[in-house]
Amino acid sequence: MEFKQRLRQLRKQKKETQAQAAAAIGLQQRHYQRFELGENLPGYANLIALADHFEVTLDYLMCRTDENVRP
């Protein structure tokens, strides 16, 4: 799985629109859309915000593992 797929999966699990997910982490909708389209990758601060918002680890968000174990 790629980052863009994981991000979309997490958003859909939370039953959010792209606009809602973007607003939750302080981004414009188009900027968030580019993450899901694979056109851009988020920077460090946005990665942390996304992981916190979706309540997952950074490794899970970035597809380094399929286990979402938060301490």
PDB file of N, CA and C in Angstrom:
ATOM      1  N   MET A   1       0.849  -1.184   0.000  1.00  0.00           N
ATOM      2  CA  MET A   1       0.000   0.000   0.000  1.00  0.00           C
ATOM      3  C   MET A   1       0.890   1.240   0.000  1.00  0.00           C
ATOM      4  N   GLU A   2       0.458   2.253  -0.688  1.00  0.00           N
ATOM      5  CA  GLU A   2       1.173   3.526  -0.737  1.00  0.00           C
ATOM      6  C   GLU A   2       0.543   4.520   0.239  1.00  0.00           C
ATOM      7  N   PHE A   3       1.310   5.576   0.533  1.00  0.00           N
ATOM      8  CA  PHE A   3       0.843   6.605   1.457  1.00  0.00           C
ATOM      9  C   PHE A   3      -0.517   7.160   1.041  1.00  0.00           C
ATOM     10  N   LYS A   4      -0.670   7.490  -0.239  1.00  0.00           N
ATOM     11  CA  LYS A   4      -1.921   8.097  -0.687  1.00  0.00           C
ATOM     12  C   LYS A   4      -3.112   7.166  -0.446  1.00  0.00           C
ATOM     13  N   GLN A   5      -2.899   5.885  -0.613  1.00  0.00           N
ATOM     14  CA  GLN A   5      -3.975   4.914  -0.371  1.00  0.00           C
ATOM     15  C   GLN A   5      -4.287   4.802   1.122  1.00  0.00           C
ATOM     16  N   ARG A   6      -3.249   4.778   1.939  1.00  0.00           N
ATOM     17  CA  ARG A   6      -3.441   4.689   3.393  1.00  0.00           C
ATOM     18  C   ARG A   6      -4.188   5.914   3.900  1.00  0.00           C
ATOM     19  N   LEU A   7      -3.807   7.082   3.396  1.00  0.00           N
ATOM     20  CA  LEU A   7      -4.443   8.319   3.827  1.00  0.00           C
ATOM     21  C   LEU A   7      -5.929   8.307   3.475  1.00  0.00           C
ATOM     22  N   ARG A   8      -6.257   7.909   2.269  1.00  0.00           N
ATOM     23  CA  ARG A   8      -7.657   7.841   1.848  1.00  0.00           C
ATOM     24  C   ARG A   8      -8.421   6.823   2.695  1.00  0.00           C
ATOM     25  N   GLN A   9      -7.797   5.683   2.948  1.00  0.00           N
ATOM     26  CA  GLN A   9      -8.428   4.639   3.761  1.00  0.00           C
ATOM     27  C   GLN A   9      -8.756   5.161   5.161  1.00  0.00           C
ATOM     28  N   LEU A  10      -7.804   5.836   5.775  1.00  0.00           N
ATOM     29  CA  LEU A  10      -8.022   6.374   7.116  1.00  0.00           C
ATOM     30  C   LEU A  10      -9.133   7.413   7.133  1.00  0.00           C
ATOM     31  N   ARG A  11      -9.145   8.268   6.122  1.00  0.00           N
ATOM     32  CA  ARG A  11     -10.184   9.301   6.048  1.00  0.00           C
ATOM     33  C   ARG A  11     -11.565   8.662   5.898  1.00  0.00           C
ATOM     34  N   LYS A  12     -11.658   7.670   5.047  1.00  0.00           N
ATOM     35  CA  LYS A  12     -12.950   7.020   4.838  1.00  0.00           C
ATOM     36  C   LYS A  12     -13.397   6.242   6.075  1.00  0.00           C
ATOM     37  N   GLN A  13     -12.454   5.641   6.791  1.00  0.00           N
ATOM     38  CA  GLN A  13     -12.800   4.949   8.032  1.00  0.00           C
ATOM     39  C   GLN A  13     -13.397   5.917   9.049  1.00  0.00           C
ATOM     40  N   LYS A  14     -12.894   7.140   9.022  1.00  0.00           N
ATOM     41  CA  LYS A  14     -13.382   8.165   9.947  1.00  0.00           C
ATOM     42  C   LYS A  14     -14.644   8.854   9.412  1.00  0.00           C
ATOM     43  N   LYS A  15     -15.050   8.483   8.189  1.00  0.00           N
ATOM     44  CA  LYS A  15     -16.245   9.030   7.541  1.00  0.00           C
ATOM     45  C   LYS A  15     -16.166  10.545   7.399  1.00  0.00           C
ATOM     46  N   GLU A  16     -15.029  11.005   6.907  1.00  0.00           N
ATOM     47  CA  GLU A  16     -14.811  12.428   6.685  1.00  0.00           C
ATOM     48  C   GLU A  16     -14.667  12.707   5.192  1.00  0.00           C
ATOM     49  N   THR A  17     -15.002  13.925   4.818  1.00  0.00           N
ATOM     50  CA  THR A  17     -14.710  14.385   3.471  1.00  0.00           C
ATOM     51  C   THR A  17     -13.274  14.897   3.454  1.00  0.00           C
ATOM     52  N   GLN A  18     -12.759  15.124   2.262  1.00  0.00           N
ATOM     53  CA  GLN A  18     -11.424  15.703   2.167  1.00  0.00           C
ATOM     54  C   GLN A  18     -11.400  17.086   2.812  1.00  0.00           C
ATOM     55  N   ALA A  19     -12.464  17.842   2.634  1.00  0.00           N
ATOM     56  CA  ALA A  19     -12.537  19.183   3.232  1.00  0.00           C
ATOM     57  C   ALA A  19     -12.490  19.108   4.752  1.00  0.00           C
ATOM     58  N   GLN A  20     -13.182  18.143   5.336  1.00  0.00           N
ATOM     59  CA  GLN A  20     -13.184  18.002   6.796  1.00  0.00           C
ATOM     60  C   GLN A  20     -11.809  17.595   7.312  1.00  0.00           C
ATOM     61  N   ALA A  21     -11.167  16.660   6.639  1.00  0.00           N
ATOM     62  CA  ALA A  21      -9.834  16.225   7.052  1.00  0.00           C
ATOM     63  C   ALA A  21      -8.833  17.374   6.934  1.00  0.00           C
ATOM     64  N   ALA A  22      -8.929  18.108   5.844  1.00  0.00           N
ATOM     65  CA  ALA A  22      -8.024  19.248   5.640  1.00  0.00           C
ATOM     66  C   ALA A  22      -8.213  20.300   6.730  1.00  0.00           C
ATOM     67  N   ALA A  23      -9.461  20.631   7.020  1.00  0.00           N
ATOM     68  CA  ALA A  23      -9.749  21.640   8.051  1.00  0.00           C
ATOM     69  C   ALA A  23      -9.267  21.184   9.418  1.00  0.00           C
ATOM     70  N   ALA A  24      -9.368  19.904   9.693  1.00  0.00           N
ATOM     71  CA  ALA A  24      -8.968  19.376  10.998  1.00  0.00           C
ATOM     72  C   ALA A  24      -7.484  19.565  11.267  1.00  0.00           C
ATOM     73  N   ILE A  25      -6.677  19.596  10.203  1.00  0.00           N
ATOM     74  CA  ILE A  25      -5.238  19.778  10.426  1.00  0.00           C
ATOM     75  C   ILE A  25      -4.744  21.139   9.925  1.00  0.00           C
ATOM     76  N   GLY A  26      -5.678  22.014   9.548  1.00  0.00           N
ATOM     77  CA  GLY A  26      -5.321  23.383   9.188  1.00  0.00           C
ATOM     78  C   GLY A  26      -4.776  23.562   7.789  1.00  0.00           C
ATOM     79  N   LEU A  27      -5.274  22.765   6.843  1.00  0.00           N
ATOM     80  CA  LEU A  27      -4.842  22.885   5.446  1.00  0.00           C
ATOM     81  C   LEU A  27      -5.996  23.311   4.565  1.00  0.00           C
ATOM     82  N   GLN A  28      -5.663  23.848   3.402  1.00  0.00           N
ATOM     83  CA  GLN A  28      -6.684  24.082   2.398  1.00  0.00           C
ATOM     84  C   GLN A  28      -7.021  22.739   1.761  1.00  0.00           C
ATOM     85  N   GLN A  29      -8.249  22.603   1.310  1.00  0.00           N
ATOM     86  CA  GLN A  29      -8.705  21.332   0.758  1.00  0.00           C
ATOM     87  C   GLN A  29      -7.836  20.878  -0.410  1.00  0.00           C
ATOM     88  N   ARG A  30      -7.480  21.757  -1.302  1.00  0.00           N
ATOM     89  CA  ARG A  30      -6.686  21.389  -2.474  1.00  0.00           C
ATOM     90  C   ARG A  30      -5.318  20.830  -2.065  1.00  0.00           C
ATOM     91  N   HIS A  31      -4.741  21.407  -1.034  1.00  0.00           N
ATOM     92  CA  HIS A  31      -3.444  20.928  -0.552  1.00  0.00           C
ATOM     93  C   HIS A  31      -3.573  19.489  -0.051  1.00  0.00           C
ATOM     94  N   TYR A  32      -4.637  19.218   0.703  1.00  0.00           N
ATOM     95  CA  TYR A  32      -4.890  17.865   1.192  1.00  0.00           C
ATOM     96  C   TYR A  32      -5.160  16.910   0.027  1.00  0.00           C
ATOM     97  N   GLN A  33      -5.931  17.358  -0.950  1.00  0.00           N
ATOM     98  CA  GLN A  33      -6.242  16.519  -2.113  1.00  0.00           C
ATOM     99  C   GLN A  33      -4.965  16.051  -2.808  1.00  0.00           C
ATOM    100  N   ARG A  34      -3.993  16.914  -2.864  1.00  0.00           N
ATOM    101  CA  ARG A  34      -2.726  16.556  -3.521  1.00  0.00           C
ATOM    102  C   ARG A  34      -2.020  15.423  -2.784  1.00  0.00           C
ATOM    103  N   PHE A  35      -2.202  15.327  -1.487  1.00  0.00           N
ATOM    104  CA  PHE A  35      -1.652  14.190  -0.737  1.00  0.00           C
ATOM    105  C   PHE A  35      -2.333  12.896  -1.182  1.00  0.00           C
ATOM    106  N   GLU A  36      -3.659  12.923  -1.249  1.00  0.00           N
ATOM    107  CA  GLU A  36      -4.391  11.711  -1.629  1.00  0.00           C
ATOM    108  C   GLU A  36      -4.187  11.337  -3.096  1.00  0.00           C
ATOM    109  N   LEU A  37      -3.881  12.305  -3.928  1.00  0.00           N
ATOM    110  CA  LEU A  37      -3.615  12.020  -5.338  1.00  0.00           C
ATOM    111  C   LEU A  37      -2.174  11.569  -5.572  1.00  0.00           C
ATOM    112  N   GLY A  38      -1.345  11.729  -4.563  1.00  0.00           N
ATOM    113  CA  GLY A  38       0.054  11.353  -4.701  1.00  0.00           C
ATOM    114  C   GLY A  38       0.886  12.404  -5.415  1.00  0.00           C
ATOM    115  N   GLU A  39       0.348  13.606  -5.551  1.00  0.00           N
ATOM    116  CA  GLU A  39       1.069  14.690  -6.212  1.00  0.00           C
ATOM    117  C   GLU A  39       2.091  15.346  -5.287  1.00  0.00           C
ATOM    118  N   ASN A  40       1.819  15.347  -4.011  1.00  0.00           N
ATOM    119  CA  ASN A  40       2.704  15.924  -2.994  1.00  0.00           C
ATOM    120  C   ASN A  40       2.751  15.003  -1.792  1.00  0.00           C
ATOM    121  N   LEU A  41       3.836  15.084  -1.052  1.00  0.00           N
ATOM    122  CA  LEU A  41       3.934  14.408   0.238  1.00  0.00           C
ATOM    123  C   LEU A  41       3.956  15.478   1.324  1.00  0.00           C
ATOM    124  N   PRO A  42       3.328  15.205   2.449  1.00  0.00           N
ATOM    125  CA  PRO A  42       3.316  16.195   3.520  1.00  0.00           C
ATOM    126  C   PRO A  42       4.684  16.343   4.171  1.00  0.00           C
ATOM    127  N   GLY A  43       4.914  17.544   4.674  1.00  0.00           N
ATOM    128  CA  GLY A  43       6.115  17.784   5.450  1.00  0.00           C
ATOM    129  C   GLY A  43       5.960  17.212   6.853  1.00  0.00           C
ATOM    130  N   TYR A  44       7.007  17.348   7.636  1.00  0.00           N
ATOM    131  CA  TYR A  44       7.047  16.771   8.977  1.00  0.00           C
ATOM    132  C   TYR A  44       5.873  17.214   9.854  1.00  0.00           C
ATOM    133  N   ALA A  45       5.612  18.507   9.903  1.00  0.00           N
ATOM    134  CA  ALA A  45       4.538  19.021  10.765  1.00  0.00           C
ATOM    135  C   ALA A  45       3.177  18.480  10.325  1.00  0.00           C
ATOM    136  N   ASN A  46       2.949  18.415   9.028  1.00  0.00           N
ATOM    137  CA  ASN A  46       1.672  17.894   8.542  1.00  0.00           C
ATOM    138  C   ASN A  46       1.559  16.390   8.759  1.00  0.00           C
ATOM    139  N   LEU A  47       2.661  15.665   8.674  1.00  0.00           N
ATOM    140  CA  LEU A  47       2.634  14.233   8.963  1.00  0.00           C
ATOM    141  C   LEU A  47       2.194  13.983  10.401  1.00  0.00           C
ATOM    142  N   ILE A  48       2.769  14.736  11.307  1.00  0.00           N
ATOM    143  CA  ILE A  48       2.412  14.591  12.716  1.00  0.00           C
ATOM    144  C   ILE A  48       0.942  14.947  12.925  1.00  0.00           C
ATOM    145  N   ALA A  49       0.496  16.028  12.299  1.00  0.00           N
ATOM    146  CA  ALA A  49      -0.902  16.437  12.427  1.00  0.00           C
ATOM    147  C   ALA A  49      -1.839  15.360  11.879  1.00  0.00           C
ATOM    148  N   LEU A  50      -1.488  14.771  10.746  1.00  0.00           N
ATOM    149  CA  LEU A  50      -2.315  13.710  10.166  1.00  0.00           C
ATOM    150  C   LEU A  50      -2.349  12.480  11.067  1.00  0.00           C
ATOM    151  N   ALA A  51      -1.195  12.073  11.562  1.00  0.00           N
ATOM    152  CA  ALA A  51      -1.135  10.905  12.442  1.00  0.00           C
ATOM    153  C   ALA A  51      -1.955  11.151  13.714  1.00  0.00           C
ATOM    154  N   ASP A  52      -1.839  12.322  14.281  1.00  0.00           N
ATOM    155  CA  ASP A  52      -2.619  12.652  15.478  1.00  0.00           C
ATOM    156  C   ASP A  52      -4.116  12.680  15.170  1.00  0.00           C
ATOM    157  N   HIS A  53      -4.476  13.285  14.052  1.00  0.00           N
ATOM    158  CA  HIS A  53      -5.886  13.384  13.692  1.00  0.00           C
ATOM    159  C   HIS A  53      -6.512  12.003  13.476  1.00  0.00           C
ATOM    160  N   PHE A  54      -5.792  11.134  12.778  1.00  0.00           N
ATOM    161  CA  PHE A  54      -6.324   9.808  12.490  1.00  0.00           C
ATOM    162  C   PHE A  54      -5.993   8.786  13.580  1.00  0.00           C
ATOM    163  N   GLU A  55      -5.290   9.240  14.618  1.00  0.00           N
ATOM    164  CA  GLU A  55      -4.947   8.409  15.776  1.00  0.00           C
ATOM    165  C   GLU A  55      -4.186   7.149  15.368  1.00  0.00           C
ATOM    166  N   VAL A  56      -3.132   7.367  14.566  1.00  0.00           N
ATOM    167  CA  VAL A  56      -2.273   6.274  14.111  1.00  0.00           C
ATOM    168  C   VAL A  56      -0.812   6.668  14.328  1.00  0.00           C
ATOM    169  N   THR A  57       0.074   5.682  14.243  1.00  0.00           N
ATOM    170  CA  THR A  57       1.495   5.971  14.345  1.00  0.00           C
ATOM    171  C   THR A  57       2.003   6.502  13.014  1.00  0.00           C
ATOM    172  N   LEU A  58       3.125   7.191  13.059  1.00  0.00           N
ATOM    173  CA  LEU A  58       3.738   7.682  11.822  1.00  0.00           C
ATOM    174  C   LEU A  58       4.150   6.524  10.925  1.00  0.00           C
ATOM    175  N   ASP A  59       4.659   5.452  11.510  1.00  0.00           N
ATOM    176  CA  ASP A  59       5.048   4.288  10.705  1.00  0.00           C
ATOM    177  C   ASP A  59       3.844   3.695   9.979  1.00  0.00           C
ATOM    178  N   TYR A  60       2.715   3.630  10.635  1.00  0.00           N
ATOM    179  CA  TYR A  60       1.508   3.110  10.002  1.00  0.00           C
ATOM    180  C   TYR A  60       1.042   4.054   8.891  1.00  0.00           C
ATOM    181  N   LEU A  61       1.020   5.341   9.187  1.00  0.00           N
ATOM    182  CA  LEU A  61       0.600   6.342   8.204  1.00  0.00           C
ATOM    183  C   LEU A  61       1.474   6.292   6.955  1.00  0.00           C
ATOM    184  N   MET A  62       2.774   6.116   7.145  1.00  0.00           N
ATOM    185  CA  MET A  62       3.712   6.112   6.017  1.00  0.00           C
ATOM    186  C   MET A  62       3.910   4.724   5.412  1.00  0.00           C
ATOM    187  N   CYS A  63       3.092   3.777   5.830  1.00  0.00           N
ATOM    188  CA  CYS A  63       3.100   2.399   5.264  1.00  0.00           C
ATOM    189  C   CYS A  63       4.404   1.657   5.542  1.00  0.00           C
ATOM    190  N   ARG A  64       5.053   1.997   6.620  1.00  0.00           N
ATOM    191  CA  ARG A  64       6.262   1.255   7.001  1.00  0.00           C
ATOM    192  C   ARG A  64       5.891  -0.002   7.768  1.00  0.00           C
ATOM    193  N   THR A  65       4.652  -0.061   8.264  1.00  0.00           N
ATOM    194  CA  THR A  65       4.146  -1.230   8.967  1.00  0.00           C
ATOM    195  C   THR A  65       2.634  -1.292   8.754  1.00  0.00           C
ATOM    196  N   ASP A  66       2.101  -2.472   8.900  1.00  0.00           N
ATOM    197  CA  ASP A  66       0.651  -2.624   8.813  1.00  0.00           C
ATOM    198  C   ASP A  66       0.024  -2.729  10.192  1.00  0.00           C
ATOM    199  N   GLU A  67       0.847  -2.573  11.235  1.00  0.00           N
ATOM    200  CA  GLU A  67       0.354  -2.616  12.605  1.00  0.00           C
ATOM    201  C   GLU A  67       0.282  -1.192  13.147  1.00  0.00           C
ATOM    202  N   ASN A  68      -0.865  -0.843  13.685  1.00  0.00           N
ATOM    203  CA  ASN A  68      -1.048   0.480  14.261  1.00  0.00           C
ATOM    204  C   ASN A  68      -1.064   0.351  15.773  1.00  0.00           C
ATOM    205  N   VAL A  69       0.100   0.301  16.359  1.00  0.00           N
ATOM    206  CA  VAL A  69       0.221   0.162  17.813  1.00  0.00           C
ATOM    207  C   VAL A  69       0.767   1.450  18.377  1.00  0.00           C
ATOM    208  N   ARG A  70      -0.110   2.168  19.063  1.00  0.00           N
ATOM    209  CA  ARG A  70       0.316   3.429  19.687  1.00  0.00           C
ATOM    210  C   ARG A  70       0.632   3.168  21.145  1.00  0.00           C
ATOM    211  N   PRO A  71       1.669   3.799  21.649  1.00  0.00           N
ATOM    212  CA  PRO A  71       2.030   3.607  23.059  1.00  0.00           C
ATOM    213  C   PRO A  71       0.986   4.149  24.005  1.00  0.00           C
TER     214      PRO A  71
END
